[in-house]
Amino acid sequence: MEKKSQIDLFGAVALTSFALLLAFNQVVIKVTNGGLQPVFFAGLRSAGAVFCIWLWLRWRGIPLRFEKGTRVAGFAVGCVFAFEFLCLFVALDLTAVSRASVIFYSMPVWLAIMAHFIMPNDKITPLKAFGLGLALAGVAMAILSRDDGAGSFWGDLAALGAAVGWAATAMLAKASPLSRVRPEIQLMWQVGVSAPLLLIAALFFGPFIRDLEPIHIAGLLFQIVVVVSAGFIFWLWLLSIYPASGVASFSFLSPVLTVGLGWLLLGEEVGPSLIAALVLVALGILLINRPLKSRKTSA
């Protein structure tokens, strides 16, 4: 598919579906953390994804080739990917899904800031600056509020680190030499480098196995096959076709959906401060990614 200058109907449906998958993904991680140490869980997920992506490449007849000029960027994106998911899995172990999602899905805020300095045609306009202010106020409110009784300051900070890591991963995929390679190869760099890093880091986070049950094994398999192997390839493919800001703009749906699923499936309490934070972040993201109207010139 050729590159698009804006999100079309297919892109809108695809990105909305991906937002729903990410929302459910947060619940799955929270539940699976009950049976597996979070960082060990993240490492197993990356290791399993390496095998699944290799099978996909073999089936499609795509050569697993790491081109010269992309290897430094590949190692860099793998390290950032490891940092992102170490933070996210720890965050979902320490704090509520609803709180972590509001903070984690502030990713477009950090992506917009990075793009301002890296992408020459993606500068922060006055409207974007106002959106950034709203979203940052929402993130601060989510971190500082404690009216739901389920928050953890360190868990909230870990979610913030994950959001920044996600933005850096997206920027590397878009602005580095990795933009020249297929989404599957980009993802192979991410999971292939992150797997050993996360498994080594897991040594410092306590016992690997908690109260392991079949539901936790199912959660791990869901993460490997559906979320990482299929979902992330799909997201990277969308990122290669549509503008980065347009792809990121749909992430405002994920915190809304995740807060709802946290309340519906996990019985989490959603206090007024968290709702206010969610509204501020969602409005900020919409303003940040609002397309500029082209000026019409008279003949």
C-alpha atoms as a PDB file:
ATOM      1  CA  MET A   1       0.000   0.000   0.000  1.00  0.00           C
ATOM      2  CA  GLU A   2       1.296   3.458  -0.925  1.00  0.00           C
ATOM      3  CA  LYS A   3       2.003   6.088   1.718  1.00  0.00           C
ATOM      4  CA  LYS A   4      -0.862   8.361   2.728  1.00  0.00           C
ATOM      5  CA  SER A   5      -0.753  12.026   3.683  1.00  0.00           C
ATOM      6  CA  GLN A   6      -3.672  11.654   6.104  1.00  0.00           C
ATOM      7  CA  ILE A   7      -5.758   9.007   7.875  1.00  0.00           C
ATOM      8  CA  ASP A   8      -8.421   7.502   5.597  1.00  0.00           C
ATOM      9  CA  LEU A   9     -11.390   5.253   6.483  1.00  0.00           C
ATOM     10  CA  PHE A  10      -9.324   2.071   6.490  1.00  0.00           C
ATOM     11  CA  GLY A  11      -6.720   3.711   8.704  1.00  0.00           C
ATOM     12  CA  ALA A  12      -9.368   4.974  11.118  1.00  0.00           C
ATOM     13  CA  VAL A  13     -10.958   1.516  11.494  1.00  0.00           C
ATOM     14  CA  ALA A  14      -7.574  -0.187  11.812  1.00  0.00           C
ATOM     15  CA  LEU A  15      -6.285   2.253  14.427  1.00  0.00           C
ATOM     16  CA  THR A  16      -9.512   2.084  16.440  1.00  0.00           C
ATOM     17  CA  SER A  17      -9.284  -1.723  16.489  1.00  0.00           C
ATOM     18  CA  PHE A  18      -5.658  -1.528  17.566  1.00  0.00           C
ATOM     19  CA  ALA A  19      -6.604   0.897  20.362  1.00  0.00           C
ATOM     20  CA  LEU A  20      -9.135  -1.656  21.640  1.00  0.00           C
ATOM     21  CA  LEU A  21      -6.497  -4.399  21.509  1.00  0.00           C
ATOM     22  CA  LEU A  22      -4.087  -2.244  23.518  1.00  0.00           C
ATOM     23  CA  ALA A  23      -6.783  -1.476  26.068  1.00  0.00           C
ATOM     24  CA  PHE A  24      -7.489  -5.171  26.638  1.00  0.00           C
ATOM     25  CA  ASN A  25      -3.749  -5.808  26.641  1.00  0.00           C
ATOM     26  CA  GLN A  26      -3.347  -3.731  29.816  1.00  0.00           C
ATOM     27  CA  VAL A  27      -5.870  -5.938  31.624  1.00  0.00           C
ATOM     28  CA  VAL A  28      -4.109  -9.092  30.413  1.00  0.00           C
ATOM     29  CA  ILE A  29      -0.737  -7.859  31.703  1.00  0.00           C
ATOM     30  CA  LYS A  30      -2.245  -6.971  35.089  1.00  0.00           C
ATOM     31  CA  VAL A  31      -3.795 -10.421  35.471  1.00  0.00           C
ATOM     32  CA  THR A  32      -0.739 -12.330  34.207  1.00  0.00           C
ATOM     33  CA  ASN A  33       1.539 -10.454  36.616  1.00  0.00           C
ATOM     34  CA  GLY A  34      -0.205 -12.452  39.324  1.00  0.00           C
ATOM     35  CA  GLY A  35       1.560 -15.605  38.145  1.00  0.00           C
ATOM     36  CA  LEU A  36       4.808 -14.311  36.674  1.00  0.00           C
ATOM     37  CA  GLN A  37       7.283 -11.692  37.852  1.00  0.00           C
ATOM     38  CA  PRO A  38       6.616  -8.660  35.599  1.00  0.00           C
ATOM     39  CA  VAL A  39      10.099  -8.191  34.118  1.00  0.00           C
ATOM     40  CA  PHE A  40      10.551 -11.953  33.605  1.00  0.00           C
ATOM     41  CA  PHE A  41       7.117 -11.981  31.952  1.00  0.00           C
ATOM     42  CA  ALA A  42       8.187  -9.164  29.615  1.00  0.00           C
ATOM     43  CA  GLY A  43      11.402 -11.016  28.739  1.00  0.00           C
ATOM     44  CA  LEU A  44       9.563 -14.262  27.997  1.00  0.00           C
ATOM     45  CA  ARG A  45       7.148 -12.321  25.813  1.00  0.00           C
ATOM     46  CA  SER A  46       9.969 -10.840  23.725  1.00  0.00           C
ATOM     47  CA  ALA A  47      11.750 -14.214  23.472  1.00  0.00           C
ATOM     48  CA  GLY A  48       8.573 -15.963  22.329  1.00  0.00           C
ATOM     49  CA  ALA A  49       7.890 -13.193  19.828  1.00  0.00           C
ATOM     50  CA  VAL A  50      11.329 -13.750  18.238  1.00  0.00           C
ATOM     51  CA  PHE A  51      10.269 -17.309  17.355  1.00  0.00           C
ATOM     52  CA  CYS A  52       6.809 -16.266  16.096  1.00  0.00           C
ATOM     53  CA  ILE A  53       8.187 -13.479  13.907  1.00  0.00           C
ATOM     54  CA  TRP A  54      10.830 -15.858  12.507  1.00  0.00           C
ATOM     55  CA  LEU A  55       8.071 -18.321  11.568  1.00  0.00           C
ATOM     56  CA  TRP A  56       6.132 -15.490   9.907  1.00  0.00           C
ATOM     57  CA  LEU A  57       9.168 -14.443   7.888  1.00  0.00           C
ATOM     58  CA  ARG A  58       9.797 -18.046   6.800  1.00  0.00           C
ATOM     59  CA  TRP A  59       6.145 -18.497   5.769  1.00  0.00           C
ATOM     60  CA  ARG A  60       6.132 -15.249   3.759  1.00  0.00           C
ATOM     61  CA  GLY A  61       9.544 -15.942   2.236  1.00  0.00           C
ATOM     62  CA  ILE A  62      10.994 -12.730   3.640  1.00  0.00           C
ATOM     63  CA  PRO A  63      14.762 -12.903   4.248  1.00  0.00           C
ATOM     64  CA  LEU A  64      15.910 -12.095   7.780  1.00  0.00           C
ATOM     65  CA  ARG A  65      18.525  -9.548   6.739  1.00  0.00           C
ATOM     66  CA  PHE A  66      19.886  -6.722   8.885  1.00  0.00           C
ATOM     67  CA  GLU A  67      21.072  -4.178   6.360  1.00  0.00           C
ATOM     68  CA  LYS A  68      24.229  -2.154   6.835  1.00  0.00           C
ATOM     69  CA  GLY A  69      23.514   1.316   8.086  1.00  0.00           C
ATOM     70  CA  THR A  70      20.547   0.158  10.169  1.00  0.00           C
ATOM     71  CA  ARG A  71      22.308  -1.917  12.820  1.00  0.00           C
ATOM     72  CA  VAL A  72      23.144   0.869  15.269  1.00  0.00           C
ATOM     73  CA  ALA A  73      19.566   2.132  15.085  1.00  0.00           C
ATOM     74  CA  GLY A  74      18.356  -1.461  15.500  1.00  0.00           C
ATOM     75  CA  PHE A  75      20.302  -1.983  18.717  1.00  0.00           C
ATOM     76  CA  ALA A  76      19.170   1.425  19.961  1.00  0.00           C
ATOM     77  CA  VAL A  77      15.492   0.729  19.340  1.00  0.00           C
ATOM     78  CA  GLY A  78      15.827  -2.674  21.023  1.00  0.00           C
ATOM     79  CA  CYS A  79      17.288  -1.076  24.150  1.00  0.00           C
ATOM     80  CA  VAL A  80      14.546   1.559  24.250  1.00  0.00           C
ATOM     81  CA  PHE A  81      11.924  -1.152  23.711  1.00  0.00           C
ATOM     82  CA  ALA A  82      13.318  -3.069  26.698  1.00  0.00           C
ATOM     83  CA  PHE A  83      13.177   0.052  28.870  1.00  0.00           C
ATOM     84  CA  GLU A  84       9.609   0.808  27.745  1.00  0.00           C
ATOM     85  CA  PHE A  85       8.230  -2.588  28.679  1.00  0.00           C
ATOM     86  CA  LEU A  86      10.232  -2.998  31.851  1.00  0.00           C
ATOM     87  CA  CYS A  87       8.579   0.227  33.002  1.00  0.00           C
ATOM     88  CA  LEU A  88       5.107  -0.718  31.769  1.00  0.00           C
ATOM     89  CA  PHE A  89       5.006  -4.219  33.272  1.00  0.00           C
ATOM     90  CA  VAL A  90       6.318  -2.918  36.605  1.00  0.00           C
ATOM     91  CA  ALA A  91       3.788  -0.074  36.514  1.00  0.00           C
ATOM     92  CA  LEU A  92       0.889  -2.480  36.003  1.00  0.00           C
ATOM     93  CA  ASP A  93       2.177  -4.542  38.921  1.00  0.00           C
ATOM     94  CA  LEU A  94       2.286  -1.562  41.281  1.00  0.00           C
ATOM     95  CA  THR A  95      -0.661   0.594  40.270  1.00  0.00           C
ATOM     96  CA  ALA A  96      -4.159   0.271  38.857  1.00  0.00           C
ATOM     97  CA  VAL A  97      -4.727  -0.381  35.143  1.00  0.00           C
ATOM     98  CA  SER A  98      -6.856   2.761  34.818  1.00  0.00           C
ATOM     99  CA  ARG A  99      -4.192   5.022  36.336  1.00  0.00           C
ATOM    100  CA  ALA A 100      -1.321   3.475  34.370  1.00  0.00           C
ATOM    101  CA  SER A 101      -3.236   3.782  31.104  1.00  0.00           C
ATOM    102  CA  VAL A 102      -3.950   7.508  31.475  1.00  0.00           C
ATOM    103  CA  ILE A 103      -0.237   8.144  32.005  1.00  0.00           C
ATOM    104  CA  PHE A 104       1.102   5.594  29.505  1.00  0.00           C
ATOM    105  CA  TYR A 105      -1.111   6.803  26.670  1.00  0.00           C
ATOM    106  CA  SER A 106       0.225  10.311  26.993  1.00  0.00           C
ATOM    107  CA  MET A 107       2.774   8.994  24.479  1.00  0.00           C
ATOM    108  CA  PRO A 108       1.716  11.440  21.703  1.00  0.00           C
ATOM    109  CA  VAL A 109       2.702  14.315  23.998  1.00  0.00           C
ATOM    110  CA  TRP A 110       6.289  13.108  24.203  1.00  0.00           C
ATOM    111  CA  LEU A 111       6.281  12.132  20.519  1.00  0.00           C
ATOM    112  CA  ALA A 112       5.198  15.674  19.562  1.00  0.00           C
ATOM    113  CA  ILE A 113       8.008  17.159  21.661  1.00  0.00           C
ATOM    114  CA  MET A 114      10.583  14.823  20.089  1.00  0.00           C
ATOM    115  CA  ALA A 115       9.255  15.472  16.584  1.00  0.00           C
ATOM    116  CA  HIS A 116       9.563  19.231  17.110  1.00  0.00           C
ATOM    117  CA  PHE A 117      13.339  18.878  17.452  1.00  0.00           C
ATOM    118  CA  ILE A 118      13.899  15.976  15.031  1.00  0.00           C
ATOM    119  CA  MET A 119      11.332  16.222  12.199  1.00  0.00           C
ATOM    120  CA  PRO A 120      11.653  19.475  10.234  1.00  0.00           C
ATOM    121  CA  ASN A 121       8.006  19.475   9.106  1.00  0.00           C
ATOM    122  CA  ASP A 122       6.440  18.604  12.461  1.00  0.00           C
ATOM    123  CA  LYS A 123       6.905  21.678  14.640  1.00  0.00           C
ATOM    124  CA  ILE A 124       4.880  22.606  17.720  1.00  0.00           C
ATOM    125  CA  THR A 125       2.275  25.211  16.742  1.00  0.00           C
ATOM    126  CA  PRO A 126       0.358  27.410  19.245  1.00  0.00           C
ATOM    127  CA  LEU A 127      -2.552  24.941  19.081  1.00  0.00           C
ATOM    128  CA  LYS A 128      -0.226  22.016  19.726  1.00  0.00           C
ATOM    129  CA  ALA A 129       1.359  23.917  22.608  1.00  0.00           C
ATOM    130  CA  PHE A 130      -2.071  24.406  24.181  1.00  0.00           C
ATOM    131  CA  GLY A 131      -2.789  20.703  23.731  1.00  0.00           C
ATOM    132  CA  LEU A 132       0.553  19.833  25.300  1.00  0.00           C
ATOM    133  CA  GLY A 133      -0.313  21.984  28.306  1.00  0.00           C
ATOM    134  CA  LEU A 134      -3.677  20.262  28.774  1.00  0.00           C
ATOM    135  CA  ALA A 135      -2.216  16.774  28.422  1.00  0.00           C
ATOM    136  CA  LEU A 136       0.695  17.474  30.751  1.00  0.00           C
ATOM    137  CA  ALA A 137      -1.721  18.861  33.340  1.00  0.00           C
ATOM    138  CA  GLY A 138      -3.722  15.646  33.022  1.00  0.00           C
ATOM    139  CA  VAL A 139      -0.627  13.490  33.502  1.00  0.00           C
ATOM    140  CA  ALA A 140       0.377  15.514  36.580  1.00  0.00           C
ATOM    141  CA  MET A 141      -3.137  15.170  37.990  1.00  0.00           C
ATOM    142  CA  ALA A 142      -3.130  11.400  37.412  1.00  0.00           C
ATOM    143  CA  ILE A 143       0.212  11.019  39.195  1.00  0.00           C
ATOM    144  CA  LEU A 144      -0.623  13.280  42.146  1.00  0.00           C
ATOM    145  CA  SER A 145      -4.255  12.252  42.758  1.00  0.00           C
ATOM    146  CA  ARG A 146      -4.993   9.457  45.202  1.00  0.00           C
ATOM    147  CA  ASP A 147      -8.803   9.461  45.427  1.00  0.00           C
ATOM    148  CA  ASP A 148      -9.144   5.933  44.032  1.00  0.00           C
ATOM    149  CA  GLY A 149      -7.044   4.397  46.806  1.00  0.00           C
ATOM    150  CA  ALA A 150      -5.255   2.131  44.305  1.00  0.00           C
ATOM    151  CA  GLY A 151      -2.408   4.278  43.144  1.00  0.00           C
ATOM    152  CA  SER A 152       1.307   3.892  43.645  1.00  0.00           C
ATOM    153  CA  PHE A 153       3.594   6.876  43.100  1.00  0.00           C
ATOM    154  CA  TRP A 154       6.431   4.662  41.869  1.00  0.00           C
ATOM    155  CA  GLY A 155       4.055   2.719  39.650  1.00  0.00           C
ATOM    156  CA  ASP A 156       2.787   5.972  38.145  1.00  0.00           C
ATOM    157  CA  LEU A 157       6.360   7.138  37.476  1.00  0.00           C
ATOM    158  CA  ALA A 158       7.109   3.795  35.813  1.00  0.00           C
ATOM    159  CA  ALA A 159       4.080   4.321  33.545  1.00  0.00           C
ATOM    160  CA  LEU A 160       5.447   7.751  32.645  1.00  0.00           C
ATOM    161  CA  GLY A 161       8.821   6.206  31.773  1.00  0.00           C
ATOM    162  CA  ALA A 162       7.026   3.676  29.576  1.00  0.00           C
ATOM    163  CA  ALA A 163       5.195   6.482  27.743  1.00  0.00           C
ATOM    164  CA  VAL A 164       8.455   8.284  26.986  1.00  0.00           C
ATOM    165  CA  GLY A 165      10.019   4.982  25.888  1.00  0.00           C
ATOM    166  CA  TRP A 166       7.111   4.269  23.537  1.00  0.00           C
ATOM    167  CA  ALA A 167       7.453   7.716  21.958  1.00  0.00           C
ATOM    168  CA  ALA A 168      11.196   7.193  21.492  1.00  0.00           C
ATOM    169  CA  THR A 169      10.554   3.794  19.879  1.00  0.00           C
ATOM    170  CA  ALA A 170       8.079   5.353  17.432  1.00  0.00           C
ATOM    171  CA  MET A 171      10.472   8.197  16.623  1.00  0.00           C
ATOM    172  CA  LEU A 172      13.352   5.808  15.953  1.00  0.00           C
ATOM    173  CA  ALA A 173      11.115   3.732  13.679  1.00  0.00           C
ATOM    174  CA  LYS A 174      10.096   6.848  11.752  1.00  0.00           C
ATOM    175  CA  ALA A 175      13.201   9.068  11.697  1.00  0.00           C
ATOM    176  CA  SER A 176      16.159   6.639  11.800  1.00  0.00           C
ATOM    177  CA  PRO A 177      17.537   4.383   9.050  1.00  0.00           C
ATOM    178  CA  LEU A 178      15.103   1.733  10.346  1.00  0.00           C
ATOM    179  CA  SER A 179      12.372   3.529   8.389  1.00  0.00           C
ATOM    180  CA  ARG A 180      13.853   1.882   5.277  1.00  0.00           C
ATOM    181  CA  VAL A 181      13.279  -1.694   6.478  1.00  0.00           C
ATOM    182  CA  ARG A 182      10.144  -3.801   6.698  1.00  0.00           C
ATOM    183  CA  PRO A 183       7.994  -3.627   9.865  1.00  0.00           C
ATOM    184  CA  GLU A 184       8.783  -7.289  10.642  1.00  0.00           C
ATOM    185  CA  ILE A 185      12.515  -6.578  10.676  1.00  0.00           C
ATOM    186  CA  GLN A 186      11.991  -3.496  12.843  1.00  0.00           C
ATOM    187  CA  LEU A 187      10.070  -5.613  15.319  1.00  0.00           C
ATOM    188  CA  MET A 188      12.676  -8.366  15.214  1.00  0.00           C
ATOM    189  CA  TRP A 189      15.261  -5.794  16.285  1.00  0.00           C
ATOM    190  CA  GLN A 190      13.013  -4.705  19.143  1.00  0.00           C
ATOM    191  CA  VAL A 191      12.181  -8.132  20.551  1.00  0.00           C
ATOM    192  CA  GLY A 192      15.529  -9.727  19.686  1.00  0.00           C
ATOM    193  CA  VAL A 193      17.553  -7.125  21.572  1.00  0.00           C
ATOM    194  CA  SER A 194      15.044  -6.626  24.401  1.00  0.00           C
ATOM    195  CA  ALA A 195      14.612 -10.336  25.253  1.00  0.00           C
ATOM    196  CA  PRO A 196      18.086 -10.919  26.774  1.00  0.00           C
ATOM    197  CA  LEU A 197      18.131  -7.455  28.359  1.00  0.00           C
ATOM    198  CA  LEU A 198      14.810  -8.038  30.105  1.00  0.00           C
ATOM    199  CA  LEU A 199      15.666 -11.583  31.207  1.00  0.00           C
ATOM    200  CA  ILE A 200      18.926 -10.341  32.736  1.00  0.00           C
ATOM    201  CA  ALA A 201      17.132  -7.426  34.408  1.00  0.00           C
ATOM    202  CA  ALA A 202      14.567  -9.874  35.830  1.00  0.00           C
ATOM    203  CA  LEU A 203      17.285 -11.258  38.115  1.00  0.00           C
ATOM    204  CA  PHE A 204      16.973  -8.071  40.193  1.00  0.00           C
ATOM    205  CA  PHE A 205      13.173  -8.145  40.606  1.00  0.00           C
ATOM    206  CA  GLY A 206      12.602 -11.206  42.791  1.00  0.00           C
ATOM    207  CA  PRO A 207      11.422 -14.779  42.102  1.00  0.00           C
ATOM    208  CA  PHE A 208      10.440 -15.502  38.519  1.00  0.00           C
ATOM    209  CA  ILE A 209       7.332 -17.536  39.363  1.00  0.00           C
ATOM    210  CA  ARG A 210       4.521 -16.360  41.613  1.00  0.00           C
ATOM    211  CA  ASP A 211       1.190 -18.179  41.947  1.00  0.00           C
ATOM    212  CA  LEU A 212       1.215 -19.623  38.426  1.00  0.00           C
ATOM    213  CA  GLU A 213      -2.102 -20.892  37.021  1.00  0.00           C
ATOM    214  CA  PRO A 214      -3.402 -21.770  33.519  1.00  0.00           C
ATOM    215  CA  ILE A 215      -4.879 -18.277  33.055  1.00  0.00           C
ATOM    216  CA  HIS A 216      -1.393 -16.806  33.422  1.00  0.00           C
ATOM    217  CA  ILE A 217       0.011 -19.154  30.765  1.00  0.00           C
ATOM    218  CA  ALA A 218      -2.872 -18.140  28.484  1.00  0.00           C
ATOM    219  CA  GLY A 219      -2.053 -14.487  29.137  1.00  0.00           C
ATOM    220  CA  LEU A 220       1.591 -15.041  28.197  1.00  0.00           C
ATOM    221  CA  LEU A 221       0.630 -16.798  24.953  1.00  0.00           C
ATOM    222  CA  PHE A 222      -1.856 -14.038  24.116  1.00  0.00           C
ATOM    223  CA  GLN A 223       0.893 -11.462  24.612  1.00  0.00           C
ATOM    224  CA  ILE A 224       3.376 -13.345  22.423  1.00  0.00           C
ATOM    225  CA  VAL A 225       1.125 -14.302  19.512  1.00  0.00           C
ATOM    226  CA  VAL A 226      -1.589 -11.638  19.356  1.00  0.00           C
ATOM    227  CA  VAL A 227      -0.130  -8.480  20.877  1.00  0.00           C
ATOM    228  CA  VAL A 228       3.573  -8.528  20.006  1.00  0.00           C
ATOM    229  CA  SER A 229       3.861 -10.759  16.958  1.00  0.00           C
ATOM    230  CA  ALA A 230       0.668  -9.717  15.144  1.00  0.00           C
ATOM    231  CA  GLY A 231      -0.365  -6.437  16.776  1.00  0.00           C
ATOM    232  CA  PHE A 232       2.991  -4.670  16.777  1.00  0.00           C
ATOM    233  CA  ILE A 233       3.771  -5.677  13.198  1.00  0.00           C
ATOM    234  CA  PHE A 234       0.396  -4.246  12.228  1.00  0.00           C
ATOM    235  CA  TRP A 235       1.093  -1.001  14.129  1.00  0.00           C
ATOM    236  CA  LEU A 236       4.539  -0.597  12.589  1.00  0.00           C
ATOM    237  CA  TRP A 237       3.008  -1.238   9.165  1.00  0.00           C
ATOM    238  CA  LEU A 238       0.425   1.486   9.782  1.00  0.00           C
ATOM    239  CA  LEU A 239       3.216   3.793  10.967  1.00  0.00           C
ATOM    240  CA  SER A 240       5.072   3.184   7.693  1.00  0.00           C
ATOM    241  CA  ILE A 241       2.005   4.231   5.664  1.00  0.00           C
ATOM    242  CA  TYR A 242       0.324   7.021   7.627  1.00  0.00           C
ATOM    243  CA  PRO A 243       1.817  10.174   9.238  1.00  0.00           C
ATOM    244  CA  ALA A 244       3.276   9.512  12.696  1.00  0.00           C
ATOM    245  CA  SER A 245       1.118  12.210  14.294  1.00  0.00           C
ATOM    246  CA  GLY A 246      -2.010  10.771  12.679  1.00  0.00           C
ATOM    247  CA  VAL A 247      -1.245   7.271  13.931  1.00  0.00           C
ATOM    248  CA  ALA A 248      -0.497   8.613  17.400  1.00  0.00           C
ATOM    249  CA  SER A 249      -3.711  10.643  17.505  1.00  0.00           C
ATOM    250  CA  PHE A 250      -5.829   7.505  17.808  1.00  0.00           C
ATOM    251  CA  SER A 251      -4.029   6.537  20.993  1.00  0.00           C
ATOM    252  CA  PHE A 252      -6.418   8.853  22.873  1.00  0.00           C
ATOM    253  CA  LEU A 253      -8.989   6.068  22.518  1.00  0.00           C
ATOM    254  CA  SER A 254      -6.879   3.549  24.422  1.00  0.00           C
ATOM    255  CA  PRO A 255      -6.924   5.229  27.866  1.00  0.00           C
ATOM    256  CA  VAL A 256     -10.682   5.769  27.571  1.00  0.00           C
ATOM    257  CA  LEU A 257     -11.227   2.130  26.643  1.00  0.00           C
ATOM    258  CA  THR A 258      -8.721   0.871  29.230  1.00  0.00           C
ATOM    259  CA  VAL A 259     -10.295   2.821  32.095  1.00  0.00           C
ATOM    260  CA  GLY A 260     -13.644   1.323  31.086  1.00  0.00           C
ATOM    261  CA  LEU A 261     -12.250  -2.223  30.905  1.00  0.00           C
ATOM    262  CA  GLY A 262     -10.439  -1.790  34.228  1.00  0.00           C
ATOM    263  CA  TRP A 263     -13.722  -0.811  35.853  1.00  0.00           C
ATOM    264  CA  LEU A 264     -15.746  -3.512  34.032  1.00  0.00           C
ATOM    265  CA  LEU A 265     -13.366  -6.493  34.225  1.00  0.00           C
ATOM    266  CA  LEU A 266     -11.240  -5.764  37.302  1.00  0.00           C
ATOM    267  CA  GLY A 267     -13.673  -3.755  39.419  1.00  0.00           C
ATOM    268  CA  GLU A 268     -11.284  -0.799  39.720  1.00  0.00           C
ATOM    269  CA  GLU A 269     -12.604   2.378  41.290  1.00  0.00           C
ATOM    270  CA  VAL A 270     -12.481   5.409  38.999  1.00  0.00           C
ATOM    271  CA  GLY A 271     -12.421   8.616  41.061  1.00  0.00           C
ATOM    272  CA  PRO A 272     -13.260  12.140  39.857  1.00  0.00           C
ATOM    273  CA  SER A 273      -9.603  13.208  39.717  1.00  0.00           C
ATOM    274  CA  LEU A 274      -8.735  10.328  37.402  1.00  0.00           C
ATOM    275  CA  ILE A 275     -11.706  11.111  35.165  1.00  0.00           C
ATOM    276  CA  ALA A 276     -10.601  14.755  34.986  1.00  0.00           C
ATOM    277  CA  ALA A 277      -7.044  13.648  34.166  1.00  0.00           C
ATOM    278  CA  LEU A 278      -8.362  11.347  31.440  1.00  0.00           C
ATOM    279  CA  VAL A 279     -10.385  14.177  29.870  1.00  0.00           C
ATOM    280  CA  LEU A 280      -7.403  16.553  29.910  1.00  0.00           C
ATOM    281  CA  VAL A 281      -5.052  13.982  28.342  1.00  0.00           C
ATOM    282  CA  ALA A 282      -7.588  12.999  25.659  1.00  0.00           C
ATOM    283  CA  LEU A 283      -8.350  16.630  24.736  1.00  0.00           C
ATOM    284  CA  GLY A 284      -4.661  17.461  24.695  1.00  0.00           C
ATOM    285  CA  ILE A 285      -3.872  14.578  22.353  1.00  0.00           C
ATOM    286  CA  LEU A 286      -6.686  15.579  20.009  1.00  0.00           C
ATOM    287  CA  LEU A 287      -5.377  19.153  19.812  1.00  0.00           C
ATOM    288  CA  ILE A 288      -1.781  18.005  19.351  1.00  0.00           C
ATOM    289  CA  ASN A 289      -2.742  15.875  16.367  1.00  0.00           C
ATOM    290  CA  ARG A 290      -5.424  18.102  14.839  1.00  0.00           C
ATOM    291  CA  PRO A 291      -4.613  18.413  11.141  1.00  0.00           C
ATOM    292  CA  LEU A 292      -3.752  21.893   9.875  1.00  0.00           C
ATOM    293  CA  LYS A 293      -6.230  23.334   7.384  1.00  0.00           C
ATOM    294  CA  SER A 294      -4.631  24.242   4.127  1.00  0.00           C
ATOM    295  CA  ARG A 295      -5.043  27.847   3.095  1.00  0.00           C
ATOM    296  CA  LYS A 296      -6.874  28.366  -0.159  1.00  0.00           C
ATOM    297  CA  THR A 297      -5.477  30.948  -2.525  1.00  0.00           C
ATOM    298  CA  SER A 298      -7.740  32.976  -4.782  1.00  0.00           C
ATOM    299  CA  ALA A 299      -7.132  32.886  -8.527  1.00  0.00           C
END
